Amino acid sequence: MLRWIIAVLLIAFSALAIIANGHLALQRLRAKNSGSFAMIMGGVLGAIGILLLPVSGAHKWFWLPAVLDFGCLPYFVMLAWFSLSQRKT
């Protein structure tokens, strides 16, 4: 039961962070002002919440919050770019 509670709380916080990051991304595009709710936190906590769910097959969807969170996408792109640039050296 505790596992359910923790997983649901993490997923709920993740959903709020994803919505806030999406809203801030739209604001930034419209008004050119910057800011962030918690950048990568929404995707990471959502992934952890899904991994904690005691539901068969739920773990296969752990990547979904990170893809939906606008705060995670720039970090993943920068990480991939950095990794590829280090291999060429």
C-alpha atoms as a PDB file:
ATOM      1  CA  MET A   1       0.000   0.000   0.000  1.00  0.00           C
ATOM      2  CA  LEU A   2       2.842   2.408   0.821  1.00  0.00           C
ATOM      3  CA  ARG A   3       4.375   1.713  -2.581  1.00  0.00           C
ATOM      4  CA  TRP A   4       1.089   2.754  -4.250  1.00  0.00           C
ATOM      5  CA  ILE A   5       0.931   5.982  -2.251  1.00  0.00           C
ATOM      6  CA  ILE A   6       4.520   6.963  -3.030  1.00  0.00           C
ATOM      7  CA  ALA A   7       4.145   6.096  -6.729  1.00  0.00           C
ATOM      8  CA  VAL A   8       0.904   8.055  -7.094  1.00  0.00           C
ATOM      9  CA  LEU A   9       2.340  11.089  -5.266  1.00  0.00           C
ATOM     10  CA  LEU A  10       5.442  11.079  -7.474  1.00  0.00           C
ATOM     11  CA  ILE A  11       3.363  10.746 -10.636  1.00  0.00           C
ATOM     12  CA  ALA A  12       1.008  13.531  -9.513  1.00  0.00           C
ATOM     13  CA  PHE A  13       3.913  15.883  -8.760  1.00  0.00           C
ATOM     14  CA  SER A  14       5.455  14.919 -12.079  1.00  0.00           C
ATOM     15  CA  ALA A  15       2.236  15.767 -13.921  1.00  0.00           C
ATOM     16  CA  LEU A  16       2.125  19.194 -12.259  1.00  0.00           C
ATOM     17  CA  ALA A  17       5.758  19.871 -13.133  1.00  0.00           C
ATOM     18  CA  ILE A  18       5.250  18.735 -16.745  1.00  0.00           C
ATOM     19  CA  ILE A  19       2.225  21.022 -17.109  1.00  0.00           C
ATOM     20  CA  ALA A  20       4.094  23.941 -15.528  1.00  0.00           C
ATOM     21  CA  ASN A  21       7.152  23.406 -17.741  1.00  0.00           C
ATOM     22  CA  GLY A  22       4.927  23.249 -20.817  1.00  0.00           C
ATOM     23  CA  HIS A  23       3.198  26.468 -19.792  1.00  0.00           C
ATOM     24  CA  LEU A  24       6.532  28.191 -19.169  1.00  0.00           C
ATOM     25  CA  ALA A  25       7.862  26.980 -22.519  1.00  0.00           C
ATOM     26  CA  LEU A  26       4.857  28.515 -24.282  1.00  0.00           C
ATOM     27  CA  GLN A  27       5.289  31.751 -22.310  1.00  0.00           C
ATOM     28  CA  ARG A  28       8.933  31.873 -23.249  1.00  0.00           C
ATOM     29  CA  LEU A  29       8.118  31.460 -26.923  1.00  0.00           C
ATOM     30  CA  ARG A  30       5.451  34.178 -26.818  1.00  0.00           C
ATOM     31  CA  ALA A  31       7.011  36.800 -24.574  1.00  0.00           C
ATOM     32  CA  LYS A  32      10.720  35.943 -24.719  1.00  0.00           C
ATOM     33  CA  ASN A  33      10.990  35.722 -20.938  1.00  0.00           C
ATOM     34  CA  SER A  34      12.861  32.914 -19.271  1.00  0.00           C
ATOM     35  CA  GLY A  35      12.271  30.854 -16.194  1.00  0.00           C
ATOM     36  CA  SER A  36      11.679  27.310 -15.112  1.00  0.00           C
ATOM     37  CA  PHE A  37       9.555  25.481 -12.595  1.00  0.00           C
ATOM     38  CA  ALA A  38      11.947  22.631 -11.904  1.00  0.00           C
ATOM     39  CA  MET A  39      13.370  21.706 -15.309  1.00  0.00           C
ATOM     40  CA  ILE A  40      14.247  18.010 -15.217  1.00  0.00           C
ATOM     41  CA  MET A  41      12.444  17.136 -11.976  1.00  0.00           C
ATOM     42  CA  GLY A  42       9.066  16.369 -13.573  1.00  0.00           C
ATOM     43  CA  GLY A  43      10.434  13.758 -15.937  1.00  0.00           C
ATOM     44  CA  VAL A  44      12.705  12.099 -13.406  1.00  0.00           C
ATOM     45  CA  LEU A  45      10.144  11.879 -10.604  1.00  0.00           C
ATOM     46  CA  GLY A  46       7.519  10.614 -13.035  1.00  0.00           C
ATOM     47  CA  ALA A  47       9.873   7.879 -14.227  1.00  0.00           C
ATOM     48  CA  ILE A  48      10.590   6.846 -10.636  1.00  0.00           C
ATOM     49  CA  GLY A  49       6.870   6.870  -9.841  1.00  0.00           C
ATOM     50  CA  ILE A  50       6.095   4.610 -12.793  1.00  0.00           C
ATOM     51  CA  LEU A  51       8.921   2.245 -11.858  1.00  0.00           C
ATOM     52  CA  LEU A  52       7.486   1.996  -8.321  1.00  0.00           C
ATOM     53  CA  LEU A  53       3.964   1.157  -9.502  1.00  0.00           C
ATOM     54  CA  PRO A  54       3.083  -2.422  -8.530  1.00  0.00           C
ATOM     55  CA  VAL A  55       1.358  -2.984 -11.882  1.00  0.00           C
ATOM     56  CA  SER A  56       2.497  -5.610 -14.338  1.00  0.00           C
ATOM     57  CA  GLY A  57       4.099  -4.003 -17.378  1.00  0.00           C
ATOM     58  CA  ALA A  58       4.032  -0.441 -16.028  1.00  0.00           C
ATOM     59  CA  HIS A  59       7.837  -0.279 -15.938  1.00  0.00           C
ATOM     60  CA  LYS A  60       7.882  -0.370 -19.755  1.00  0.00           C
ATOM     61  CA  TRP A  61       6.495   3.175 -19.741  1.00  0.00           C
ATOM     62  CA  PHE A  62       9.092   4.748 -17.412  1.00  0.00           C
ATOM     63  CA  TRP A  63      10.422   6.937 -20.259  1.00  0.00           C
ATOM     64  CA  LEU A  64       7.089   8.637 -20.979  1.00  0.00           C
ATOM     65  CA  PRO A  65       7.257  11.457 -18.361  1.00  0.00           C
ATOM     66  CA  ALA A  66      10.748  12.430 -19.508  1.00  0.00           C
ATOM     67  CA  VAL A  67       9.588  12.664 -23.121  1.00  0.00           C
ATOM     68  CA  LEU A  68       6.499  14.694 -22.189  1.00  0.00           C
ATOM     69  CA  ASP A  69       8.428  17.130 -19.991  1.00  0.00           C
ATOM     70  CA  PHE A  70       9.771  20.117 -21.938  1.00  0.00           C
ATOM     71  CA  GLY A  71      12.348  20.581 -19.188  1.00  0.00           C
ATOM     72  CA  CYS A  72      13.965  17.212 -19.874  1.00  0.00           C
ATOM     73  CA  LEU A  73      14.263  17.459 -23.639  1.00  0.00           C
ATOM     74  CA  PRO A  74      17.018  20.144 -23.711  1.00  0.00           C
ATOM     75  CA  TYR A  75      19.068  18.189 -21.175  1.00  0.00           C
ATOM     76  CA  PHE A  76      18.779  14.975 -23.178  1.00  0.00           C
ATOM     77  CA  VAL A  77      19.809  16.793 -26.366  1.00  0.00           C
ATOM     78  CA  MET A  78      22.787  18.403 -24.621  1.00  0.00           C
ATOM     79  CA  LEU A  79      23.819  15.079 -23.096  1.00  0.00           C
ATOM     80  CA  ALA A  80      23.649  13.338 -26.476  1.00  0.00           C
ATOM     81  CA  TRP A  81      25.593  16.183 -28.120  1.00  0.00           C
ATOM     82  CA  PHE A  82      28.260  16.117 -25.403  1.00  0.00           C
ATOM     83  CA  SER A  83      28.574  12.318 -25.600  1.00  0.00           C
ATOM     84  CA  LEU A  84      28.941  12.372 -29.372  1.00  0.00           C
ATOM     85  CA  SER A  85      31.464  15.221 -29.289  1.00  0.00           C
ATOM     86  CA  GLN A  86      33.591  13.360 -26.715  1.00  0.00           C
ATOM     87  CA  ARG A  87      33.740  10.238 -28.911  1.00  0.00           C
ATOM     88  CA  LYS A  88      35.258  12.149 -31.842  1.00  0.00           C
ATOM     89  CA  THR A  89      38.188  13.325 -29.725  1.00  0.00           C
END
